[in-house]
Amino acid sequence: MDTERDLVRRVLSGDDAAWSALVREYAPLVWSVARRHRLSRADAADASQNTWIAVALRLPTLRRPDRLAGWIATTARRECLKIHADRGREIPAEWLDAPEPTDGDPEPAVLRSVRDRMLWQAFASLPGRCRHLLGLLAQAPELTYPQLGRALGINVNSVGQTRGRCLALLRRRLAMLDIREESAG
C-alpha cells in the first residue's frame, strides 16, 4: 500500500481508486471506534457513514497526512459522540408505554402510569447533557466514569459532580410536580 501521504495526495487529486483504497484500509478502524462507543449496529453504521462524509469534506484541510489513521479515528470518535448526544435527547417509546402487571386492582397501575408520565415529563425538561448522562447511567450502569466522560465529552473528574447536579435538578423538577422520592421507586 502507498504511504499515507501518497494516498492522501492521490485522493485529493481525484483518484477514485485511491479513495476506495483509503476506505478499504481504514473502514475496520472506523467501525471499531464506533463499536467501542457502545453504539448499536445501526448507530455504528450511521457513525461510520458520517465519518466518511466528514473525511471526504475535510481531507483537504489535513495538515499532517502522515497521521491519517489518527485523524480518521478522531473524526470517528467525534461522530460517535454526536450520535450519543442526539440519543440523549430521545426518550425511547418503550419506556413510556411499558405495560404494568396488575393483580386485578387497576388503581396501582393507573397511579404508576400517572407517576411515570410525570417522571418522564420532568426528565424531558432537563438540559440535554443531564438527559444524556442520566440516560447512560440508567441504560448502562456498568459504565465507568472515564467511559462516561468520553461519551459526554467532559473531564472524568467532572462526571461525579455533573451526575450529582443532574440528579438534584431532577429531584427539584419532580418536587415541582409533587412527586416524592418514596413514590418514585
N, C-alpha and C. Protein backbone atom coordinates (compact mmCIF):
# COMPACT_ATOMS: atom_id res chain seq x y z
N MET A 1 0.83 -1.18 0.00
CA MET A 1 0.00 0.00 0.00
C MET A 1 0.88 1.25 0.00
N ASP A 2 0.36 2.31 -0.59
CA ASP A 2 1.07 3.58 -0.60
C ASP A 2 1.24 4.08 0.82
N THR A 3 2.16 5.00 0.98
CA THR A 3 2.25 5.66 2.28
C THR A 3 1.00 6.50 2.45
N GLU A 4 0.74 6.86 3.70
CA GLU A 4 -0.45 7.68 3.97
C GLU A 4 -0.37 8.99 3.19
N ARG A 5 0.80 9.59 3.14
CA ARG A 5 0.98 10.87 2.44
C ARG A 5 0.66 10.72 0.95
N ASP A 6 1.17 9.65 0.33
CA ASP A 6 0.90 9.42 -1.09
C ASP A 6 -0.58 9.15 -1.34
N LEU A 7 -1.17 8.37 -0.45
CA LEU A 7 -2.59 8.04 -0.59
C LEU A 7 -3.44 9.31 -0.51
N VAL A 8 -3.16 10.16 0.46
CA VAL A 8 -3.90 11.42 0.60
C VAL A 8 -3.72 12.28 -0.64
N ARG A 9 -2.49 12.38 -1.13
CA ARG A 9 -2.21 13.18 -2.32
C ARG A 9 -3.01 12.67 -3.51
N ARG A 10 -3.06 11.34 -3.68
CA ARG A 10 -3.81 10.76 -4.80
C ARG A 10 -5.31 10.99 -4.65
N VAL A 11 -5.83 10.85 -3.43
CA VAL A 11 -7.26 11.10 -3.20
C VAL A 11 -7.59 12.54 -3.53
N LEU A 12 -6.77 13.47 -3.06
CA LEU A 12 -7.02 14.89 -3.29
C LEU A 12 -6.91 15.27 -4.77
N SER A 13 -6.18 14.46 -5.53
CA SER A 13 -6.08 14.74 -6.97
C SER A 13 -7.26 14.15 -7.73
N GLY A 14 -8.18 13.48 -7.02
CA GLY A 14 -9.39 12.96 -7.66
C GLY A 14 -9.32 11.51 -8.07
N ASP A 15 -8.35 10.77 -7.60
CA ASP A 15 -8.16 9.37 -7.95
C ASP A 15 -9.19 8.50 -7.18
N ASP A 16 -10.19 8.01 -7.90
CA ASP A 16 -11.24 7.19 -7.27
C ASP A 16 -10.70 5.89 -6.69
N ALA A 17 -9.71 5.30 -7.34
CA ALA A 17 -9.12 4.07 -6.83
C ALA A 17 -8.41 4.33 -5.50
N ALA A 18 -7.81 5.50 -5.37
CA ALA A 18 -7.15 5.85 -4.11
C ALA A 18 -8.18 6.02 -3.00
N TRP A 19 -9.31 6.66 -3.34
CA TRP A 19 -10.38 6.81 -2.32
C TRP A 19 -10.86 5.43 -1.88
N SER A 20 -11.09 4.54 -2.83
CA SER A 20 -11.52 3.17 -2.49
C SER A 20 -10.49 2.48 -1.61
N ALA A 21 -9.22 2.66 -1.92
CA ALA A 21 -8.16 2.04 -1.11
C ALA A 21 -8.14 2.63 0.30
N LEU A 22 -8.35 3.93 0.41
CA LEU A 22 -8.38 4.58 1.72
C LEU A 22 -9.52 4.04 2.56
N VAL A 23 -10.70 3.95 1.96
CA VAL A 23 -11.86 3.43 2.70
C VAL A 23 -11.65 1.97 3.08
N ARG A 24 -11.15 1.17 2.14
CA ARG A 24 -10.92 -0.25 2.41
C ARG A 24 -9.90 -0.43 3.55
N GLU A 25 -8.87 0.41 3.56
CA GLU A 25 -7.82 0.31 4.57
C GLU A 25 -8.29 0.73 5.96
N TYR A 26 -9.10 1.79 6.03
CA TYR A 26 -9.43 2.37 7.33
C TYR A 26 -10.86 2.08 7.81
N ALA A 27 -11.67 1.41 7.01
CA ALA A 27 -13.04 1.08 7.44
C ALA A 27 -13.06 0.24 8.72
N PRO A 28 -12.18 -0.76 8.86
CA PRO A 28 -12.20 -1.51 10.13
C PRO A 28 -11.88 -0.63 11.35
N LEU A 29 -11.00 0.34 11.19
CA LEU A 29 -10.68 1.26 12.27
C LEU A 29 -11.91 2.08 12.65
N VAL A 30 -12.59 2.63 11.66
CA VAL A 30 -13.79 3.44 11.91
C VAL A 30 -14.85 2.60 12.60
N TRP A 31 -15.05 1.38 12.12
CA TRP A 31 -16.07 0.51 12.71
C TRP A 31 -15.73 0.16 14.17
N SER A 32 -14.45 -0.11 14.42
CA SER A 32 -14.08 -0.48 15.79
C SER A 32 -14.24 0.71 16.74
N VAL A 33 -13.97 1.92 16.28
CA VAL A 33 -14.19 3.10 17.11
C VAL A 33 -15.68 3.22 17.44
N ALA A 34 -16.52 3.04 16.45
CA ALA A 34 -17.97 3.14 16.68
C ALA A 34 -18.45 2.08 17.66
N ARG A 35 -17.98 0.87 17.53
CA ARG A 35 -18.43 -0.20 18.43
C ARG A 35 -17.87 -0.01 19.84
N ARG A 36 -16.65 0.55 19.96
CA ARG A 36 -16.10 0.83 21.29
C ARG A 36 -16.91 1.89 22.02
N HIS A 37 -17.64 2.70 21.27
CA HIS A 37 -18.51 3.71 21.89
C HIS A 37 -19.88 3.12 22.24
N ARG A 38 -19.98 1.80 22.17
CA ARG A 38 -21.20 1.07 22.54
C ARG A 38 -22.42 1.52 21.75
N LEU A 39 -22.20 1.82 20.49
CA LEU A 39 -23.32 2.16 19.63
C LEU A 39 -23.96 0.88 19.12
N SER A 40 -25.26 0.94 18.89
CA SER A 40 -25.94 -0.20 18.26
C SER A 40 -25.36 -0.38 16.86
N ARG A 41 -25.68 -1.49 16.23
CA ARG A 41 -25.18 -1.72 14.87
C ARG A 41 -25.66 -0.61 13.93
N ALA A 42 -26.92 -0.21 14.06
CA ALA A 42 -27.46 0.84 13.19
C ALA A 42 -26.78 2.17 13.45
N ASP A 43 -26.58 2.51 14.73
CA ASP A 43 -25.91 3.77 15.05
C ASP A 43 -24.44 3.72 14.65
N ALA A 44 -23.80 2.55 14.80
CA ALA A 44 -22.41 2.41 14.38
C ALA A 44 -22.30 2.60 12.86
N ALA A 45 -23.26 2.07 12.13
CA ALA A 45 -23.27 2.26 10.67
C ALA A 45 -23.45 3.74 10.33
N ASP A 46 -24.33 4.43 11.07
CA ASP A 46 -24.52 5.87 10.85
C ASP A 46 -23.23 6.62 11.16
N ALA A 47 -22.59 6.28 12.28
CA ALA A 47 -21.34 6.94 12.66
C ALA A 47 -20.27 6.71 11.60
N SER A 48 -20.22 5.48 11.08
CA SER A 48 -19.25 5.17 10.03
C SER A 48 -19.51 6.00 8.78
N GLN A 49 -20.76 6.03 8.36
CA GLN A 49 -21.11 6.81 7.17
C GLN A 49 -20.80 8.30 7.39
N ASN A 50 -21.17 8.82 8.55
CA ASN A 50 -20.91 10.23 8.85
C ASN A 50 -19.41 10.52 8.90
N THR A 51 -18.64 9.55 9.37
CA THR A 51 -17.18 9.72 9.42
C THR A 51 -16.63 9.86 8.02
N TRP A 52 -17.07 8.98 7.10
CA TRP A 52 -16.54 9.04 5.74
C TRP A 52 -16.96 10.32 5.03
N ILE A 53 -18.14 10.81 5.32
CA ILE A 53 -18.56 12.09 4.74
C ILE A 53 -17.65 13.20 5.27
N ALA A 54 -17.41 13.20 6.59
CA ALA A 54 -16.55 14.22 7.19
C ALA A 54 -15.13 14.13 6.63
N VAL A 55 -14.63 12.90 6.47
CA VAL A 55 -13.28 12.72 5.91
C VAL A 55 -13.23 13.28 4.49
N ALA A 56 -14.23 12.97 3.69
CA ALA A 56 -14.24 13.46 2.31
C ALA A 56 -14.28 14.99 2.27
N LEU A 57 -15.06 15.59 3.16
CA LEU A 57 -15.19 17.05 3.16
C LEU A 57 -13.95 17.75 3.72
N ARG A 58 -13.32 17.14 4.72
CA ARG A 58 -12.24 17.83 5.43
C ARG A 58 -10.83 17.35 5.06
N LEU A 59 -10.73 16.36 4.20
CA LEU A 59 -9.40 15.86 3.85
C LEU A 59 -8.49 16.96 3.30
N PRO A 60 -9.00 17.91 2.52
CA PRO A 60 -8.10 18.97 2.05
C PRO A 60 -7.50 19.82 3.17
N THR A 61 -8.10 19.80 4.36
CA THR A 61 -7.58 20.60 5.47
C THR A 61 -6.59 19.82 6.34
N LEU A 62 -6.37 18.56 6.04
CA LEU A 62 -5.46 17.72 6.83
C LEU A 62 -4.04 18.26 6.73
N ARG A 63 -3.48 18.64 7.87
CA ARG A 63 -2.15 19.25 7.89
C ARG A 63 -1.03 18.22 7.88
N ARG A 64 -1.29 17.07 8.52
CA ARG A 64 -0.25 16.04 8.65
C ARG A 64 -0.74 14.73 8.01
N PRO A 65 -0.61 14.60 6.70
CA PRO A 65 -1.08 13.38 6.04
C PRO A 65 -0.44 12.11 6.57
N ASP A 66 0.74 12.22 7.19
CA ASP A 66 1.40 11.04 7.74
C ASP A 66 0.70 10.56 9.01
N ARG A 67 -0.26 11.33 9.51
CA ARG A 67 -1.04 10.94 10.69
C ARG A 67 -2.50 10.68 10.33
N LEU A 68 -2.71 10.18 9.13
CA LEU A 68 -4.05 9.94 8.62
C LEU A 68 -4.88 9.02 9.52
N ALA A 69 -4.29 7.94 9.99
CA ALA A 69 -5.05 6.97 10.81
C ALA A 69 -5.58 7.64 12.08
N GLY A 70 -4.73 8.39 12.76
CA GLY A 70 -5.17 9.07 13.98
C GLY A 70 -6.24 10.11 13.71
N TRP A 71 -6.10 10.82 12.59
CA TRP A 71 -7.07 11.83 12.21
C TRP A 71 -8.43 11.18 11.91
N ILE A 72 -8.42 10.07 11.21
CA ILE A 72 -9.67 9.36 10.91
C ILE A 72 -10.29 8.83 12.19
N ALA A 73 -9.48 8.27 13.10
CA ALA A 73 -10.01 7.77 14.38
C ALA A 73 -10.63 8.90 15.19
N THR A 74 -9.99 10.06 15.22
CA THR A 74 -10.54 11.21 15.94
C THR A 74 -11.85 11.66 15.31
N THR A 75 -11.90 11.69 14.00
CA THR A 75 -13.13 12.06 13.29
C THR A 75 -14.24 11.08 13.64
N ALA A 76 -13.93 9.79 13.67
CA ALA A 76 -14.94 8.77 14.02
C ALA A 76 -15.42 8.96 15.46
N ARG A 77 -14.50 9.23 16.38
CA ARG A 77 -14.89 9.46 17.78
C ARG A 77 -15.85 10.63 17.89
N ARG A 78 -15.55 11.70 17.18
CA ARG A 78 -16.43 12.87 17.23
C ARG A 78 -17.82 12.55 16.68
N GLU A 79 -17.87 11.78 15.62
CA GLU A 79 -19.17 11.40 15.06
C GLU A 79 -19.94 10.52 16.04
N CYS A 80 -19.25 9.63 16.75
CA CYS A 80 -19.90 8.79 17.75
C CYS A 80 -20.47 9.64 18.89
N LEU A 81 -19.70 10.60 19.34
CA LEU A 81 -20.16 11.47 20.42
C LEU A 81 -21.37 12.30 19.99
N LYS A 82 -21.40 12.71 18.73
CA LYS A 82 -22.59 13.43 18.22
C LYS A 82 -23.81 12.53 18.29
N ILE A 83 -23.65 11.27 17.92
CA ILE A 83 -24.78 10.34 17.96
C ILE A 83 -25.22 10.12 19.40
N HIS A 84 -24.25 9.95 20.32
CA HIS A 84 -24.60 9.81 21.74
C HIS A 84 -25.38 11.04 22.21
N ALA A 85 -24.93 12.22 21.83
CA ALA A 85 -25.61 13.45 22.25
C ALA A 85 -27.02 13.50 21.68
N ASP A 86 -27.17 13.10 20.42
CA ASP A 86 -28.51 13.08 19.82
C ASP A 86 -29.42 12.08 20.52
N ARG A 87 -28.87 10.92 20.86
CA ARG A 87 -29.67 9.89 21.53
C ARG A 87 -30.06 10.33 22.94
N GLY A 88 -29.25 11.18 23.56
CA GLY A 88 -29.56 11.67 24.88
C GLY A 88 -30.80 12.56 24.91
N ARG A 89 -31.18 13.08 23.76
CA ARG A 89 -32.36 13.93 23.67
C ARG A 89 -33.63 13.11 23.43
N GLU A 90 -33.47 11.84 23.16
CA GLU A 90 -34.61 10.99 22.85
C GLU A 90 -35.04 10.20 24.09
N ILE A 91 -36.32 9.93 24.16
CA ILE A 91 -36.85 9.04 25.19
C ILE A 91 -37.45 7.85 24.44
N PRO A 92 -36.88 6.67 24.62
CA PRO A 92 -37.39 5.51 23.89
C PRO A 92 -38.88 5.29 24.17
N ALA A 93 -39.63 5.03 23.13
CA ALA A 93 -41.08 4.84 23.25
C ALA A 93 -41.43 3.71 24.21
N GLU A 94 -40.62 2.66 24.22
CA GLU A 94 -40.93 1.53 25.09
C GLU A 94 -40.84 1.92 26.57
N TRP A 95 -40.07 2.97 26.88
CA TRP A 95 -40.01 3.42 28.26
C TRP A 95 -41.31 4.11 28.67
N LEU A 96 -41.97 4.72 27.72
CA LEU A 96 -43.18 5.47 28.03
C LEU A 96 -44.42 4.58 28.12
N ASP A 97 -44.44 3.52 27.34
CA ASP A 97 -45.65 2.72 27.20
C ASP A 97 -45.52 1.31 27.75
N ALA A 98 -44.56 1.07 28.64
CA ALA A 98 -44.38 -0.29 29.16
C ALA A 98 -45.59 -0.67 30.01
N PRO A 99 -46.25 -1.78 29.65
CA PRO A 99 -47.42 -2.19 30.44
C PRO A 99 -47.00 -2.68 31.81
N GLU A 100 -47.78 -2.34 32.80
CA GLU A 100 -47.52 -2.75 34.17
C GLU A 100 -48.42 -3.94 34.51
N PRO A 101 -47.88 -4.94 35.17
CA PRO A 101 -48.72 -6.07 35.57
C PRO A 101 -49.71 -5.62 36.66
N THR A 102 -50.90 -6.17 36.61
CA THR A 102 -51.90 -5.85 37.64
C THR A 102 -52.34 -7.14 38.31
N ASP A 103 -52.80 -7.01 39.56
CA ASP A 103 -53.29 -8.18 40.28
C ASP A 103 -54.81 -8.10 40.38
N GLY A 104 -55.45 -7.59 39.37
CA GLY A 104 -56.90 -7.47 39.41
C GLY A 104 -57.36 -6.08 39.84
N ASP A 105 -56.52 -5.34 40.57
CA ASP A 105 -56.86 -4.00 41.01
C ASP A 105 -56.16 -3.00 40.09
N PRO A 106 -56.90 -2.25 39.27
CA PRO A 106 -56.27 -1.35 38.31
C PRO A 106 -55.71 -0.07 38.94
N GLU A 107 -56.11 0.26 40.17
CA GLU A 107 -55.69 1.54 40.75
C GLU A 107 -54.17 1.69 40.85
N PRO A 108 -53.42 0.68 41.38
CA PRO A 108 -51.97 0.86 41.44
C PRO A 108 -51.34 1.08 40.06
N ALA A 109 -51.85 0.37 39.06
CA ALA A 109 -51.30 0.53 37.71
C ALA A 109 -51.58 1.93 37.17
N VAL A 110 -52.76 2.44 37.42
CA VAL A 110 -53.10 3.79 36.96
C VAL A 110 -52.23 4.82 37.66
N LEU A 111 -52.03 4.66 38.97
CA LEU A 111 -51.20 5.60 39.71
C LEU A 111 -49.74 5.55 39.24
N ARG A 112 -49.24 4.33 38.97
CA ARG A 112 -47.87 4.20 38.43
C ARG A 112 -47.78 4.87 37.07
N SER A 113 -48.79 4.70 36.26
CA SER A 113 -48.78 5.28 34.92
C SER A 113 -48.74 6.81 34.99
N VAL A 114 -49.53 7.39 35.87
CA VAL A 114 -49.54 8.85 36.04
C VAL A 114 -48.17 9.30 36.56
N ARG A 115 -47.66 8.60 37.57
CA ARG A 115 -46.35 8.93 38.13
C ARG A 115 -45.27 8.83 37.07
N ASP A 116 -45.30 7.77 36.27
CA ASP A 116 -44.29 7.59 35.23
C ASP A 116 -44.35 8.70 34.19
N ARG A 117 -45.55 9.09 33.80
CA ARG A 117 -45.68 10.19 32.84
C ARG A 117 -45.08 11.48 33.40
N MET A 118 -45.33 11.73 34.67
CA MET A 118 -44.80 12.93 35.30
C MET A 118 -43.27 12.84 35.43
N LEU A 119 -42.78 11.65 35.71
CA LEU A 119 -41.33 11.44 35.78
C LEU A 119 -40.69 11.75 34.43
N TRP A 120 -41.28 11.22 33.36
CA TRP A 120 -40.72 11.46 32.03
C TRP A 120 -40.86 12.93 31.63
N GLN A 121 -41.91 13.57 32.09
CA GLN A 121 -42.07 15.00 31.83
C GLN A 121 -40.93 15.77 32.49
N ALA A 122 -40.63 15.44 33.75
CA ALA A 122 -39.52 16.09 34.45
C ALA A 122 -38.19 15.77 33.77
N PHE A 123 -38.00 14.52 33.39
CA PHE A 123 -36.77 14.11 32.71
C PHE A 123 -36.59 14.87 31.40
N ALA A 124 -37.67 14.98 30.63
CA ALA A 124 -37.60 15.67 29.33
C ALA A 124 -37.30 17.15 29.49
N SER A 125 -37.60 17.73 30.64
CA SER A 125 -37.35 19.16 30.84
C SER A 125 -35.90 19.44 31.26
N LEU A 126 -35.11 18.40 31.51
CA LEU A 126 -33.71 18.58 31.90
C LEU A 126 -32.88 19.06 30.71
N PRO A 127 -31.78 19.73 30.96
CA PRO A 127 -30.87 20.08 29.87
C PRO A 127 -30.35 18.81 29.18
N GLY A 128 -29.98 18.93 27.94
CA GLY A 128 -29.53 17.78 27.15
C GLY A 128 -28.42 16.98 27.78
N ARG A 129 -27.41 17.66 28.37
CA ARG A 129 -26.30 16.94 28.98
C ARG A 129 -26.79 16.08 30.14
N CYS A 130 -27.75 16.60 30.93
CA CYS A 130 -28.28 15.82 32.06
C CYS A 130 -29.07 14.62 31.55
N ARG A 131 -29.90 14.84 30.54
CA ARG A 131 -30.67 13.71 29.97
C ARG A 131 -29.72 12.64 29.45
N HIS A 132 -28.67 13.08 28.77
CA HIS A 132 -27.73 12.12 28.20
C HIS A 132 -27.01 11.34 29.31
N LEU A 133 -26.49 12.05 30.31
CA LEU A 133 -25.77 11.39 31.41
C LEU A 133 -26.68 10.45 32.18
N LEU A 134 -27.84 10.92 32.60
CA LEU A 134 -28.75 10.07 33.38
C LEU A 134 -29.27 8.91 32.54
N GLY A 135 -29.49 9.16 31.25
CA GLY A 135 -29.91 8.07 30.36
C GLY A 135 -28.84 7.00 30.24
N LEU A 136 -27.57 7.43 30.10
CA LEU A 136 -26.48 6.45 30.04
C LEU A 136 -26.38 5.67 31.34
N LEU A 137 -26.50 6.37 32.48
CA LEU A 137 -26.43 5.69 33.77
C LEU A 137 -27.56 4.68 33.94
N ALA A 138 -28.75 5.01 33.44
CA ALA A 138 -29.89 4.10 33.56
C ALA A 138 -29.76 2.91 32.62
N GLN A 139 -29.30 3.16 31.40
CA GLN A 139 -29.23 2.10 30.40
C GLN A 139 -27.99 1.23 30.54
N ALA A 140 -26.90 1.82 31.00
CA ALA A 140 -25.64 1.08 31.09
C ALA A 140 -24.93 1.43 32.40
N PRO A 141 -25.48 0.95 33.52
CA PRO A 141 -24.90 1.32 34.82
C PRO A 141 -23.47 0.79 35.01
N GLU A 142 -23.05 -0.11 34.16
CA GLU A 142 -21.70 -0.66 34.30
C GLU A 142 -20.62 0.28 33.73
N LEU A 143 -21.02 1.36 33.05
CA LEU A 143 -20.04 2.29 32.50
C LEU A 143 -19.24 2.94 33.62
N THR A 144 -17.95 3.06 33.40
CA THR A 144 -17.08 3.72 34.38
C THR A 144 -17.10 5.22 34.15
N TYR A 145 -16.62 5.98 35.13
CA TYR A 145 -16.56 7.43 34.97
C TYR A 145 -15.70 7.83 33.76
N PRO A 146 -14.55 7.19 33.52
CA PRO A 146 -13.80 7.55 32.31
C PRO A 146 -14.61 7.31 31.03
N GLN A 147 -15.36 6.21 30.97
CA GLN A 147 -16.17 5.95 29.79
C GLN A 147 -17.28 6.99 29.66
N LEU A 148 -17.91 7.33 30.77
CA LEU A 148 -18.96 8.36 30.74
C LEU A 148 -18.37 9.71 30.32
N GLY A 149 -17.20 10.03 30.84
CA GLY A 149 -16.56 11.29 30.48
C GLY A 149 -16.29 11.37 28.99
N ARG A 150 -15.80 10.27 28.40
CA ARG A 150 -15.55 10.25 26.95
C ARG A 150 -16.85 10.37 26.18
N ALA A 151 -17.88 9.66 26.60
CA ALA A 151 -19.16 9.71 25.88
C ALA A 151 -19.78 11.09 25.94
N LEU A 152 -19.58 11.78 27.06
CA LEU A 152 -20.18 13.11 27.22
C LEU A 152 -19.26 14.24 26.78
N GLY A 153 -17.99 13.92 26.56
CA GLY A 153 -17.04 14.94 26.18
C GLY A 153 -16.67 15.86 27.33
N ILE A 154 -16.65 15.30 28.55
CA ILE A 154 -16.26 16.10 29.71
C ILE A 154 -15.12 15.40 30.45
N ASN A 155 -14.43 16.15 31.29
CA ASN A 155 -13.34 15.62 32.08
C ASN A 155 -13.87 14.55 33.03
N VAL A 156 -13.13 13.47 33.19
CA VAL A 156 -13.56 12.38 34.06
C VAL A 156 -13.79 12.87 35.48
N ASN A 157 -13.02 13.87 35.91
CA ASN A 157 -13.18 14.40 37.26
C ASN A 157 -14.48 15.18 37.44
N SER A 158 -15.13 15.54 36.35
CA SER A 158 -16.39 16.29 36.41
C SER A 158 -17.62 15.40 36.38
N VAL A 159 -17.44 14.13 36.08
CA VAL A 159 -18.58 13.24 35.90
C VAL A 159 -19.40 13.12 37.19
N GLY A 160 -18.76 12.88 38.31
CA GLY A 160 -19.49 12.72 39.58
C GLY A 160 -20.23 13.98 39.97
N GLN A 161 -19.58 15.13 39.83
CA GLN A 161 -20.24 16.40 40.17
C GLN A 161 -21.40 16.68 39.23
N THR A 162 -21.21 16.41 37.94
CA THR A 162 -22.28 16.62 36.96
C THR A 162 -23.45 15.70 37.27
N ARG A 163 -23.15 14.45 37.60
CA ARG A 163 -24.19 13.49 37.97
C ARG A 163 -24.98 14.01 39.17
N GLY A 164 -24.29 14.47 40.19
CA GLY A 164 -24.95 14.99 41.38
C GLY A 164 -25.84 16.19 41.07
N ARG A 165 -25.32 17.11 40.25
CA ARG A 165 -26.12 18.29 39.87
C ARG A 165 -27.35 17.88 39.07
N CYS A 166 -27.19 16.93 38.15
CA CYS A 166 -28.32 16.48 37.32
C CYS A 166 -29.38 15.79 38.17
N LEU A 167 -28.94 14.95 39.10
CA LEU A 167 -29.91 14.28 39.98
C LEU A 167 -30.62 15.28 40.88
N ALA A 168 -29.89 16.28 41.38
CA ALA A 168 -30.51 17.31 42.22
C ALA A 168 -31.53 18.10 41.40
N LEU A 169 -31.20 18.42 40.17
CA LEU A 169 -32.13 19.15 39.31
C LEU A 169 -33.37 18.31 39.03
N LEU A 170 -33.18 17.01 38.78
CA LEU A 170 -34.32 16.12 38.56
C LEU A 170 -35.20 16.06 39.81
N ARG A 171 -34.58 15.98 40.97
CA ARG A 171 -35.37 15.97 42.22
C ARG A 171 -36.19 17.25 42.37
N ARG A 172 -35.58 18.40 42.04
CA ARG A 172 -36.33 19.67 42.13
C ARG A 172 -37.49 19.69 41.15
N ARG A 173 -37.25 19.19 39.95
CA ARG A 173 -38.33 19.16 38.94
C ARG A 173 -39.45 18.23 39.39
N LEU A 174 -39.08 17.10 39.98
CA LEU A 174 -40.08 16.16 40.48
C LEU A 174 -40.86 16.76 41.65
N ALA A 175 -40.16 17.50 42.51
CA ALA A 175 -40.83 18.15 43.64
C ALA A 175 -41.84 19.17 43.14
N MET A 176 -41.50 19.88 42.06
CA MET A 176 -42.43 20.84 41.48
C MET A 176 -43.69 20.14 40.98
N LEU A 177 -43.53 18.89 40.55
CA LEU A 177 -44.67 18.10 40.07
C LEU A 177 -45.32 17.31 41.21
N ASP A 178 -44.81 17.52 42.43
CA ASP A 178 -45.31 16.86 43.65
C ASP A 178 -45.11 15.35 43.62
N ILE A 179 -43.97 14.93 43.09
CA ILE A 179 -43.58 13.51 43.14
C ILE A 179 -42.45 13.41 44.15
N ARG A 180 -42.68 12.67 45.22
CA ARG A 180 -41.66 12.49 46.23
C ARG A 180 -40.87 11.23 45.93
N GLU A 181 -39.63 11.21 46.44
CA GLU A 181 -38.73 10.09 46.14
C GLU A 181 -39.34 8.74 46.51
N GLU A 182 -40.02 8.66 47.64
CA GLU A 182 -40.54 7.37 48.06
C GLU A 182 -41.64 6.88 47.11
N SER A 183 -42.33 7.81 46.41
CA SER A 183 -43.38 7.35 45.48
C SER A 183 -42.81 7.12 44.09
N ALA A 184 -41.57 7.55 43.85
CA ALA A 184 -40.97 7.39 42.53
C ALA A 184 -40.32 6.04 42.35
N GLY A 185 -40.18 5.26 43.38
CA GLY A 185 -39.46 3.98 43.25
C GLY A 185 -40.34 2.80 43.14
